[in-house]
Amino acid sequence: MNIAVELSDDEIAIIEHAFASSRFETLEKLAQASLQLAAQAWLLWLSGEKRYNSLTDQYIDWIEKIYDRLLPLEEMPSVERLLNFFYLPYGQALYITRVLNNRDTPRLQAQALNELKKALRDRKGDMDKLGPALDKQKYSIDMDKSAAIQLEIIAKNLWRESSNEVDLPRRSGTCSDLVTMAITLRTFKKVCERLGI
């Protein structure tokens, strides 16, 4: 059944702002998709199929669906999006971002791996200029938290294969959903080799 919904200019402006970047070519398609998502959320609740333990659980579920169905595929959950476009309080935005980025979904894993590759490529030119005498020297690389998790997983696997050739990277600083990783040159090279960079 097709049902037409008329939205006011103010309601359209809210959708336009919240989804300033989306995977839809037109505002009309974006509005249709967002209304369909909203209707599904209400219907799941009204039918008793979906109940939440808290508002935070509800927000996490809704925001995860927004990322999966409305926002660009390459976009990772971020504090900036939740704070500036969905108007969540900072602490809640930080918490929800952390929860979503720690979920082990194939889409988020692939995005995190792409973020990691980008962060490594951005530093590769500088690192390639350094000589072997500096192999155990630590260098800082800034990246998304989800990329940092992928780096830790890859480095841990490399360390298990040959612990005498790999040093585990460490988090040396954080700011919102960004992390500064301290990594030795030799580990940097091994991770790049493993990722084909």
N, C-alpha and C. Protein backbone atom coordinates (compact mmCIF):
# COMPACT_ATOMS: atom_id res chain seq x y z
N MET A 1 0.84 -1.17 0.00
CA MET A 1 0.00 0.00 0.00
C MET A 1 0.89 1.24 0.00
N ASN A 2 0.58 2.17 -0.86
CA ASN A 2 1.30 3.44 -0.93
C ASN A 2 0.54 4.49 -0.15
N ILE A 3 1.24 5.16 0.77
CA ILE A 3 0.63 6.23 1.55
C ILE A 3 1.48 7.47 1.37
N ALA A 4 0.85 8.57 1.01
CA ALA A 4 1.56 9.83 0.83
C ALA A 4 1.51 10.62 2.14
N VAL A 5 2.64 11.22 2.47
CA VAL A 5 2.74 12.05 3.68
C VAL A 5 3.21 13.42 3.25
N GLU A 6 2.53 14.43 3.76
CA GLU A 6 2.92 15.80 3.45
C GLU A 6 3.75 16.34 4.61
N LEU A 7 4.92 16.88 4.30
CA LEU A 7 5.80 17.44 5.32
C LEU A 7 5.87 18.95 5.16
N SER A 8 5.95 19.63 6.30
CA SER A 8 6.09 21.09 6.26
C SER A 8 7.52 21.45 5.88
N ASP A 9 7.74 22.70 5.54
CA ASP A 9 9.09 23.17 5.21
C ASP A 9 10.04 22.98 6.39
N ASP A 10 9.53 23.21 7.62
CA ASP A 10 10.35 23.03 8.82
C ASP A 10 10.77 21.57 8.99
N GLU A 11 9.85 20.65 8.73
CA GLU A 11 10.17 19.23 8.85
C GLU A 11 11.18 18.79 7.79
N ILE A 12 11.02 19.31 6.60
CA ILE A 12 11.99 19.02 5.53
C ILE A 12 13.36 19.58 5.91
N ALA A 13 13.40 20.76 6.49
CA ALA A 13 14.66 21.38 6.92
C ALA A 13 15.37 20.52 7.98
N ILE A 14 14.59 19.92 8.87
CA ILE A 14 15.17 19.04 9.90
C ILE A 14 15.83 17.83 9.24
N ILE A 15 15.14 17.20 8.31
CA ILE A 15 15.70 16.03 7.59
C ILE A 15 16.94 16.44 6.80
N GLU A 16 16.84 17.58 6.13
CA GLU A 16 17.97 18.08 5.33
C GLU A 16 19.20 18.33 6.19
N HIS A 17 19.00 18.91 7.36
CA HIS A 17 20.13 19.19 8.25
C HIS A 17 20.70 17.90 8.84
N ALA A 18 19.82 17.04 9.37
CA ALA A 18 20.29 15.82 10.03
C ALA A 18 21.07 14.92 9.08
N PHE A 19 20.66 14.92 7.82
CA PHE A 19 21.30 14.04 6.84
C PHE A 19 21.93 14.86 5.72
N ALA A 20 22.69 15.89 6.12
CA ALA A 20 23.35 16.77 5.14
C ALA A 20 24.15 15.96 4.13
N SER A 21 24.73 14.86 4.58
CA SER A 21 25.35 13.92 3.64
C SER A 21 24.61 12.61 3.82
N SER A 22 24.16 12.04 2.74
CA SER A 22 23.43 10.77 2.81
C SER A 22 23.77 9.96 1.57
N ARG A 23 23.19 8.78 1.47
CA ARG A 23 23.45 7.95 0.29
C ARG A 23 22.40 8.15 -0.80
N PHE A 24 21.51 9.13 -0.60
CA PHE A 24 20.44 9.36 -1.56
C PHE A 24 20.74 10.56 -2.45
N GLU A 25 20.34 10.44 -3.72
CA GLU A 25 20.62 11.51 -4.70
C GLU A 25 19.68 12.69 -4.54
N THR A 26 18.46 12.44 -4.09
CA THR A 26 17.49 13.54 -3.98
C THR A 26 16.95 13.62 -2.56
N LEU A 27 16.52 14.81 -2.22
CA LEU A 27 15.92 15.05 -0.91
C LEU A 27 14.63 14.24 -0.76
N GLU A 28 13.89 14.09 -1.85
CA GLU A 28 12.64 13.33 -1.81
C GLU A 28 12.89 11.87 -1.43
N LYS A 29 13.92 11.26 -2.04
CA LYS A 29 14.24 9.86 -1.72
C LYS A 29 14.74 9.73 -0.28
N LEU A 30 15.52 10.71 0.17
CA LEU A 30 16.00 10.72 1.55
C LEU A 30 14.83 10.83 2.52
N ALA A 31 13.90 11.74 2.24
CA ALA A 31 12.73 11.92 3.11
C ALA A 31 11.90 10.64 3.16
N GLN A 32 11.70 10.00 2.01
CA GLN A 32 10.94 8.74 1.97
C GLN A 32 11.61 7.67 2.82
N ALA A 33 12.92 7.53 2.66
CA ALA A 33 13.66 6.50 3.41
C ALA A 33 13.64 6.79 4.91
N SER A 34 13.79 8.05 5.29
CA SER A 34 13.79 8.38 6.72
C SER A 34 12.40 8.18 7.33
N LEU A 35 11.35 8.52 6.59
CA LEU A 35 9.99 8.30 7.09
C LEU A 35 9.67 6.81 7.19
N GLN A 36 10.15 6.03 6.23
CA GLN A 36 9.94 4.59 6.27
C GLN A 36 10.63 3.99 7.50
N LEU A 37 11.85 4.44 7.77
CA LEU A 37 12.59 3.97 8.94
C LEU A 37 11.86 4.35 10.24
N ALA A 38 11.36 5.59 10.30
CA ALA A 38 10.62 6.04 11.49
C ALA A 38 9.34 5.23 11.68
N ALA A 39 8.62 4.98 10.59
CA ALA A 39 7.39 4.19 10.67
C ALA A 39 7.68 2.78 11.16
N GLN A 40 8.75 2.17 10.65
CA GLN A 40 9.11 0.82 11.07
C GLN A 40 9.43 0.78 12.56
N ALA A 41 10.13 1.80 13.05
CA ALA A 41 10.47 1.86 14.48
C ALA A 41 9.21 1.92 15.33
N TRP A 42 8.27 2.76 14.93
CA TRP A 42 7.01 2.88 15.67
C TRP A 42 6.21 1.59 15.60
N LEU A 43 6.13 0.98 14.42
CA LEU A 43 5.35 -0.24 14.27
C LEU A 43 5.93 -1.40 15.08
N LEU A 44 7.25 -1.49 15.14
CA LEU A 44 7.88 -2.53 15.97
C LEU A 44 7.52 -2.32 17.43
N TRP A 45 7.48 -1.06 17.85
CA TRP A 45 7.13 -0.76 19.23
C TRP A 45 5.65 -1.04 19.50
N LEU A 46 4.79 -0.56 18.59
CA LEU A 46 3.34 -0.74 18.77
C LEU A 46 2.93 -2.21 18.76
N SER A 47 3.64 -3.02 17.97
CA SER A 47 3.31 -4.44 17.88
C SER A 47 3.89 -5.25 19.04
N GLY A 48 4.75 -4.63 19.82
CA GLY A 48 5.37 -5.33 20.94
C GLY A 48 6.58 -6.15 20.56
N GLU A 49 6.98 -6.08 19.28
CA GLU A 49 8.15 -6.85 18.83
C GLU A 49 9.46 -6.28 19.35
N LYS A 50 9.48 -4.98 19.62
CA LYS A 50 10.73 -4.34 20.03
C LYS A 50 10.47 -3.53 21.29
N ARG A 51 11.16 -3.88 22.36
CA ARG A 51 11.10 -3.13 23.61
C ARG A 51 12.53 -2.84 24.05
N TYR A 52 12.72 -1.70 24.64
CA TYR A 52 14.06 -1.28 25.06
C TYR A 52 14.12 -1.19 26.58
N ASN A 53 15.30 -1.48 27.14
CA ASN A 53 15.49 -1.38 28.59
C ASN A 53 15.68 0.07 29.03
N SER A 54 16.12 0.90 28.11
CA SER A 54 16.36 2.31 28.45
C SER A 54 16.27 3.15 27.18
N LEU A 55 16.18 4.45 27.37
CA LEU A 55 16.20 5.35 26.21
C LEU A 55 17.52 5.25 25.47
N THR A 56 18.60 5.05 26.20
CA THR A 56 19.91 4.94 25.56
C THR A 56 19.94 3.72 24.64
N ASP A 57 19.38 2.58 25.09
CA ASP A 57 19.30 1.40 24.23
C ASP A 57 18.48 1.70 22.97
N GLN A 58 17.41 2.45 23.14
CA GLN A 58 16.57 2.82 22.01
C GLN A 58 17.35 3.71 21.04
N TYR A 59 18.05 4.71 21.57
CA TYR A 59 18.84 5.60 20.72
C TYR A 59 19.91 4.83 19.96
N ILE A 60 20.58 3.92 20.64
CA ILE A 60 21.64 3.12 20.00
C ILE A 60 21.05 2.34 18.83
N ASP A 61 19.91 1.70 19.06
CA ASP A 61 19.27 0.92 17.99
C ASP A 61 18.87 1.82 16.82
N TRP A 62 18.23 2.93 17.11
CA TRP A 62 17.79 3.84 16.05
C TRP A 62 18.98 4.41 15.28
N ILE A 63 20.00 4.84 16.00
CA ILE A 63 21.16 5.45 15.34
C ILE A 63 21.91 4.41 14.49
N GLU A 64 22.00 3.19 14.99
CA GLU A 64 22.63 2.13 14.20
C GLU A 64 21.87 1.92 12.89
N LYS A 65 20.55 1.93 12.96
CA LYS A 65 19.73 1.77 11.74
C LYS A 65 19.91 2.96 10.80
N ILE A 66 20.04 4.15 11.36
CA ILE A 66 20.27 5.35 10.53
C ILE A 66 21.59 5.21 9.78
N TYR A 67 22.64 4.75 10.47
CA TYR A 67 23.93 4.55 9.79
C TYR A 67 23.82 3.46 8.73
N ASP A 68 23.09 2.40 9.03
CA ASP A 68 22.98 1.28 8.09
C ASP A 68 22.14 1.61 6.86
N ARG A 69 21.14 2.51 7.01
CA ARG A 69 20.18 2.69 5.92
C ARG A 69 20.13 4.07 5.29
N LEU A 70 20.66 5.09 5.99
CA LEU A 70 20.51 6.44 5.44
C LEU A 70 21.83 7.15 5.15
N LEU A 71 22.80 6.99 6.02
CA LEU A 71 24.05 7.74 5.86
C LEU A 71 24.99 7.06 4.86
N PRO A 72 25.98 7.80 4.36
CA PRO A 72 26.92 7.20 3.40
C PRO A 72 27.55 5.92 3.97
N LEU A 73 27.72 4.92 3.12
CA LEU A 73 28.25 3.62 3.57
C LEU A 73 29.61 3.74 4.22
N GLU A 74 30.43 4.69 3.75
CA GLU A 74 31.79 4.80 4.29
C GLU A 74 31.86 5.58 5.60
N GLU A 75 30.75 6.15 6.03
CA GLU A 75 30.77 6.96 7.25
C GLU A 75 30.70 6.09 8.50
N MET A 76 31.65 6.31 9.40
CA MET A 76 31.68 5.62 10.68
C MET A 76 30.90 6.44 11.70
N PRO A 77 30.30 5.77 12.70
CA PRO A 77 29.64 6.53 13.76
C PRO A 77 30.63 7.50 14.41
N SER A 78 30.20 8.76 14.56
CA SER A 78 31.11 9.77 15.12
C SER A 78 30.39 10.68 16.10
N VAL A 79 31.14 11.16 17.06
CA VAL A 79 30.62 12.10 18.04
C VAL A 79 30.14 13.35 17.32
N GLU A 80 30.91 13.79 16.33
CA GLU A 80 30.55 15.02 15.60
C GLU A 80 29.15 14.91 15.00
N ARG A 81 28.84 13.79 14.35
CA ARG A 81 27.53 13.61 13.71
C ARG A 81 26.42 13.64 14.78
N LEU A 82 26.62 12.88 15.86
CA LEU A 82 25.58 12.79 16.89
C LEU A 82 25.39 14.11 17.63
N LEU A 83 26.46 14.83 17.82
CA LEU A 83 26.42 16.10 18.55
C LEU A 83 25.86 17.23 17.69
N ASN A 84 26.38 17.38 16.49
CA ASN A 84 26.05 18.54 15.65
C ASN A 84 24.86 18.36 14.71
N PHE A 85 24.50 17.12 14.42
CA PHE A 85 23.41 16.89 13.48
C PHE A 85 22.18 16.24 14.13
N PHE A 86 22.41 15.45 15.20
CA PHE A 86 21.30 14.82 15.90
C PHE A 86 21.06 15.45 17.27
N TYR A 87 21.91 16.39 17.64
CA TYR A 87 21.77 17.19 18.87
C TYR A 87 21.74 16.37 20.16
N LEU A 88 22.49 15.30 20.21
CA LEU A 88 22.61 14.55 21.46
C LEU A 88 23.59 15.28 22.39
N PRO A 89 23.40 15.16 23.70
CA PRO A 89 24.39 15.74 24.62
C PRO A 89 25.76 15.07 24.41
N TYR A 90 26.83 15.78 24.71
CA TYR A 90 28.18 15.30 24.42
C TYR A 90 28.45 13.93 25.04
N GLY A 91 28.16 13.76 26.33
CA GLY A 91 28.44 12.48 26.99
C GLY A 91 27.71 11.32 26.35
N GLN A 92 26.46 11.55 26.01
CA GLN A 92 25.66 10.50 25.38
C GLN A 92 26.17 10.21 23.97
N ALA A 93 26.54 11.26 23.23
CA ALA A 93 27.10 11.08 21.89
C ALA A 93 28.39 10.27 21.95
N LEU A 94 29.23 10.58 22.93
CA LEU A 94 30.49 9.86 23.11
C LEU A 94 30.24 8.39 23.41
N TYR A 95 29.31 8.12 24.33
CA TYR A 95 28.99 6.75 24.72
C TYR A 95 28.42 5.95 23.54
N ILE A 96 27.45 6.52 22.86
CA ILE A 96 26.80 5.81 21.74
C ILE A 96 27.80 5.56 20.62
N THR A 97 28.65 6.53 20.34
CA THR A 97 29.69 6.34 19.31
C THR A 97 30.60 5.18 19.69
N ARG A 98 31.02 5.15 20.96
CA ARG A 98 31.90 4.07 21.42
C ARG A 98 31.21 2.72 21.29
N VAL A 99 29.96 2.63 21.70
CA VAL A 99 29.22 1.36 21.62
C VAL A 99 29.11 0.91 20.16
N LEU A 100 28.70 1.82 19.28
CA LEU A 100 28.52 1.44 17.87
C LEU A 100 29.83 1.06 17.20
N ASN A 101 30.90 1.79 17.51
CA ASN A 101 32.19 1.48 16.88
C ASN A 101 32.81 0.20 17.42
N ASN A 102 32.37 -0.24 18.59
CA ASN A 102 32.89 -1.49 19.15
C ASN A 102 32.07 -2.70 18.73
N ARG A 103 30.98 -2.48 18.03
CA ARG A 103 30.17 -3.60 17.54
C ARG A 103 30.95 -4.30 16.44
N ASP A 104 30.80 -5.59 16.40
CA ASP A 104 31.58 -6.40 15.48
C ASP A 104 30.75 -6.76 14.25
N THR A 105 30.37 -5.75 13.48
CA THR A 105 29.60 -6.02 12.27
C THR A 105 30.54 -5.98 11.06
N PRO A 106 30.26 -6.77 10.06
CA PRO A 106 31.14 -6.78 8.87
C PRO A 106 31.29 -5.39 8.24
N ARG A 107 30.21 -4.61 8.18
CA ARG A 107 30.27 -3.29 7.58
C ARG A 107 31.22 -2.37 8.36
N LEU A 108 31.08 -2.38 9.70
CA LEU A 108 31.94 -1.52 10.52
C LEU A 108 33.39 -2.00 10.49
N GLN A 109 33.60 -3.32 10.46
CA GLN A 109 34.96 -3.85 10.37
C GLN A 109 35.63 -3.38 9.07
N ALA A 110 34.91 -3.49 7.98
CA ALA A 110 35.46 -3.07 6.68
C ALA A 110 35.77 -1.57 6.69
N GLN A 111 34.87 -0.78 7.26
CA GLN A 111 35.11 0.67 7.33
C GLN A 111 36.32 0.97 8.21
N ALA A 112 36.42 0.28 9.35
CA ALA A 112 37.54 0.50 10.26
C ALA A 112 38.86 0.13 9.59
N LEU A 113 38.85 -0.96 8.84
CA LEU A 113 40.06 -1.37 8.12
C LEU A 113 40.44 -0.34 7.07
N ASN A 114 39.47 0.22 6.38
CA ASN A 114 39.74 1.28 5.40
C ASN A 114 40.31 2.52 6.08
N GLU A 115 39.76 2.87 7.25
CA GLU A 115 40.28 4.01 8.02
C GLU A 115 41.73 3.76 8.43
N LEU A 116 42.02 2.54 8.87
CA LEU A 116 43.39 2.19 9.27
C LEU A 116 44.34 2.30 8.08
N LYS A 117 43.94 1.75 6.94
CA LYS A 117 44.78 1.83 5.74
C LYS A 117 45.06 3.27 5.36
N LYS A 118 44.05 4.11 5.45
CA LYS A 118 44.21 5.53 5.13
C LYS A 118 45.21 6.19 6.09
N ALA A 119 45.07 5.91 7.38
CA ALA A 119 45.98 6.49 8.39
C ALA A 119 47.42 6.03 8.14
N LEU A 120 47.60 4.76 7.79
CA LEU A 120 48.94 4.24 7.53
C LEU A 120 49.52 4.82 6.24
N ARG A 121 48.69 4.91 5.20
CA ARG A 121 49.16 5.49 3.93
C ARG A 121 49.59 6.95 4.12
N ASP A 122 48.84 7.68 4.95
CA ASP A 122 49.17 9.09 5.20
C ASP A 122 50.55 9.24 5.82
N ARG A 123 51.02 8.25 6.58
CA ARG A 123 52.32 8.34 7.24
C ARG A 123 53.41 7.53 6.55
N LYS A 124 53.02 6.70 5.60
CA LYS A 124 53.99 5.77 4.98
C LYS A 124 55.17 6.48 4.34
N GLY A 125 54.94 7.56 3.62
CA GLY A 125 56.04 8.28 2.97
C GLY A 125 57.09 8.72 3.96
N ASP A 126 56.67 9.29 5.08
CA ASP A 126 57.61 9.72 6.12
C ASP A 126 58.34 8.53 6.73
N MET A 127 57.60 7.46 6.98
CA MET A 127 58.20 6.29 7.63
C MET A 127 59.19 5.57 6.72
N ASP A 128 58.92 5.59 5.42
CA ASP A 128 59.82 4.91 4.48
C ASP A 128 61.20 5.59 4.41
N LYS A 129 61.25 6.86 4.77
CA LYS A 129 62.51 7.60 4.73
C LYS A 129 63.43 7.27 5.90
N LEU A 130 62.88 6.64 6.94
CA LEU A 130 63.66 6.34 8.14
C LEU A 130 64.46 5.06 7.95
N GLY A 131 65.65 5.03 8.48
CA GLY A 131 66.54 3.88 8.33
C GLY A 131 66.28 2.79 9.35
N PRO A 132 66.87 1.59 9.13
CA PRO A 132 66.68 0.45 10.02
C PRO A 132 67.18 0.69 11.45
N ALA A 133 68.11 1.64 11.61
CA ALA A 133 68.62 1.93 12.95
C ALA A 133 67.51 2.48 13.85
N LEU A 134 66.45 2.98 13.25
CA LEU A 134 65.35 3.56 14.02
C LEU A 134 64.15 2.61 14.14
N ASP A 135 64.37 1.33 13.83
CA ASP A 135 63.28 0.35 13.83
C ASP A 135 62.50 0.25 15.14
N LYS A 136 63.19 0.46 16.27
CA LYS A 136 62.51 0.31 17.56
C LYS A 136 62.04 1.65 18.13
N GLN A 137 62.28 2.71 17.38
CA GLN A 137 61.80 4.05 17.78
C GLN A 137 60.29 4.10 17.61
N LYS A 138 59.59 4.75 18.57
CA LYS A 138 58.13 4.84 18.47
C LYS A 138 57.73 6.14 17.79
N TYR A 139 56.70 6.03 16.95
CA TYR A 139 56.16 7.18 16.22
C TYR A 139 54.65 7.25 16.49
N SER A 140 54.13 8.45 16.41
CA SER A 140 52.71 8.66 16.67
C SER A 140 51.91 8.71 15.37
N ILE A 141 50.77 8.05 15.39
CA ILE A 141 49.85 8.08 14.25
C ILE A 141 48.45 8.32 14.82
N ASP A 142 47.75 9.33 14.28
CA ASP A 142 46.39 9.62 14.71
C ASP A 142 45.41 8.87 13.83
N MET A 143 44.37 8.32 14.47
CA MET A 143 43.36 7.58 13.72
C MET A 143 42.06 7.50 14.51
N ASP A 144 41.05 7.06 13.85
CA ASP A 144 39.75 6.80 14.44
C ASP A 144 39.88 5.65 15.44
N LYS A 145 39.06 5.64 16.50
CA LYS A 145 39.14 4.56 17.50
C LYS A 145 38.92 3.19 16.88
N SER A 146 38.00 3.10 15.95
CA SER A 146 37.74 1.79 15.33
C SER A 146 38.96 1.32 14.52
N ALA A 147 39.67 2.26 13.89
CA ALA A 147 40.89 1.90 13.17
C ALA A 147 41.97 1.45 14.15
N ALA A 148 42.02 2.10 15.32
CA ALA A 148 42.99 1.72 16.35
C ALA A 148 42.74 0.29 16.82
N ILE A 149 41.49 -0.08 16.95
CA ILE A 149 41.15 -1.45 17.37
C ILE A 149 41.64 -2.44 16.32
N GLN A 150 41.44 -2.13 15.03
CA GLN A 150 41.92 -3.00 13.96
C GLN A 150 43.45 -3.10 13.97
N LEU A 151 44.12 -1.97 14.23
CA LEU A 151 45.58 -1.97 14.31
C LEU A 151 46.04 -2.88 15.45
N GLU A 152 45.38 -2.78 16.60
CA GLU A 152 45.74 -3.62 17.75
C GLU A 152 45.54 -5.10 17.44
N ILE A 153 44.47 -5.44 16.75
CA ILE A 153 44.19 -6.84 16.40
C ILE A 153 45.26 -7.37 15.45
N ILE A 154 45.58 -6.60 14.41
CA ILE A 154 46.58 -7.03 13.42
C ILE A 154 47.95 -7.16 14.07
N ALA A 155 48.33 -6.17 14.88
CA ALA A 155 49.64 -6.20 15.54
C ALA A 155 49.73 -7.38 16.51
N LYS A 156 48.64 -7.66 17.22
CA LYS A 156 48.65 -8.79 18.16
C LYS A 156 48.83 -10.10 17.40
N ASN A 157 48.17 -10.25 16.25
CA ASN A 157 48.34 -11.46 15.44
C ASN A 157 49.77 -11.58 14.93
N LEU A 158 50.35 -10.47 14.48
CA LEU A 158 51.75 -10.47 14.03
C LEU A 158 52.69 -10.82 15.18
N TRP A 159 52.41 -10.28 16.36
CA TRP A 159 53.23 -10.54 17.55
C TRP A 159 53.19 -12.02 17.91
N ARG A 160 52.01 -12.63 17.79
CA ARG A 160 51.88 -14.06 18.08
C ARG A 160 52.70 -14.90 17.11
N GLU A 161 52.79 -14.43 15.87
CA GLU A 161 53.56 -15.16 14.85
C GLU A 161 55.06 -15.03 15.09
N SER A 162 55.52 -13.85 15.50
CA SER A 162 56.96 -13.65 15.76
C SER A 162 57.14 -12.47 16.73
N SER A 163 57.08 -12.79 18.01
CA SER A 163 57.12 -11.75 19.05
C SER A 163 58.45 -11.00 19.11
N ASN A 164 59.51 -11.58 18.60
CA ASN A 164 60.80 -10.90 18.62
C ASN A 164 60.96 -9.87 17.49
N GLU A 165 60.00 -9.82 16.56
CA GLU A 165 60.08 -8.88 15.44
C GLU A 165 59.00 -7.81 15.48
N VAL A 166 58.06 -7.91 16.43
CA VAL A 166 56.92 -6.99 16.48
C VAL A 166 56.75 -6.46 17.90
N ASP A 167 56.55 -5.15 18.02
CA ASP A 167 56.23 -4.53 19.30
C ASP A 167 54.76 -4.12 19.26
N LEU A 168 54.04 -4.40 20.32
CA LEU A 168 52.63 -4.05 20.33
C LEU A 168 52.45 -2.54 20.42
N PRO A 169 51.62 -1.97 19.54
CA PRO A 169 51.38 -0.52 19.60
C PRO A 169 50.60 -0.17 20.86
N ARG A 170 50.74 1.07 21.30
CA ARG A 170 50.05 1.53 22.51
C ARG A 170 49.27 2.80 22.21
N ARG A 171 48.17 2.95 22.91
CA ARG A 171 47.40 4.20 22.81
C ARG A 171 48.12 5.23 23.67
N SER A 172 48.51 6.33 23.06
CA SER A 172 49.22 7.36 23.82
C SER A 172 48.37 8.60 24.08
N GLY A 173 47.18 8.63 23.50
CA GLY A 173 46.29 9.76 23.74
C GLY A 173 44.96 9.56 23.04
N THR A 174 43.93 10.20 23.58
CA THR A 174 42.61 10.14 22.96
C THR A 174 41.95 11.50 23.02
N CYS A 175 41.11 11.76 22.07
CA CYS A 175 40.30 12.97 22.04
C CYS A 175 39.01 12.61 21.34
N SER A 176 37.95 12.51 22.13
CA SER A 176 36.65 12.14 21.60
C SER A 176 36.76 10.77 20.93
N ASP A 177 36.52 10.66 19.63
CA ASP A 177 36.59 9.36 18.96
C ASP A 177 37.87 9.22 18.13
N LEU A 178 38.89 10.01 18.47
CA LEU A 178 40.20 9.90 17.82
C LEU A 178 41.22 9.36 18.81
N VAL A 179 42.19 8.61 18.29
CA VAL A 179 43.22 8.00 19.13
C VAL A 179 44.59 8.29 18.51
N THR A 180 45.56 8.56 19.37
CA THR A 180 46.95 8.63 18.92
C THR A 180 47.62 7.33 19.31
N MET A 181 48.14 6.62 18.32
CA MET A 181 48.79 5.33 18.56
C MET A 181 50.30 5.51 18.48
N ALA A 182 51.00 4.95 19.46
CA ALA A 182 52.47 4.92 19.44
C ALA A 182 52.86 3.56 18.87
N ILE A 183 53.60 3.58 17.77
CA ILE A 183 53.96 2.34 17.07
C ILE A 183 55.41 2.41 16.63
N THR A 184 56.13 1.30 16.77
CA THR A 184 57.52 1.28 16.32
C THR A 184 57.57 1.18 14.80
N LEU A 185 58.68 1.62 14.25
CA LEU A 185 58.84 1.59 12.79
C LEU A 185 58.74 0.16 12.27
N ARG A 186 59.38 -0.79 12.96
CA ARG A 186 59.35 -2.17 12.47
C ARG A 186 57.94 -2.75 12.49
N THR A 187 57.16 -2.41 13.50
CA THR A 187 55.77 -2.88 13.55
C THR A 187 54.95 -2.20 12.47
N PHE A 188 55.19 -0.90 12.27
CA PHE A 188 54.51 -0.16 11.21
C PHE A 188 54.72 -0.87 9.87
N LYS A 189 55.98 -1.22 9.58
CA LYS A 189 56.31 -1.89 8.32
C LYS A 189 55.61 -3.24 8.19
N LYS A 190 55.60 -4.01 9.29
CA LYS A 190 54.96 -5.34 9.26
C LYS A 190 53.44 -5.22 9.03
N VAL A 191 52.80 -4.23 9.70
CA VAL A 191 51.36 -4.05 9.53
C VAL A 191 51.06 -3.63 8.08
N CYS A 192 51.86 -2.70 7.55
CA CYS A 192 51.67 -2.27 6.15
C CYS A 192 51.82 -3.44 5.20
N GLU A 193 52.83 -4.27 5.47
CA GLU A 193 53.06 -5.46 4.62
C GLU A 193 51.85 -6.39 4.69
N ARG A 194 51.32 -6.61 5.89
CA ARG A 194 50.16 -7.50 6.08
C ARG A 194 48.93 -6.96 5.34
N LEU A 195 48.79 -5.63 5.32
CA LEU A 195 47.63 -5.03 4.66
C LEU A 195 47.86 -4.73 3.18
N GLY A 196 49.06 -5.02 2.68
CA GLY A 196 49.35 -4.79 1.26
C GLY A 196 49.48 -3.33 0.91
N ILE A 197 50.02 -2.54 1.85
CA ILE A 197 50.20 -1.10 1.60
C ILE A 197 51.64 -0.85 1.19
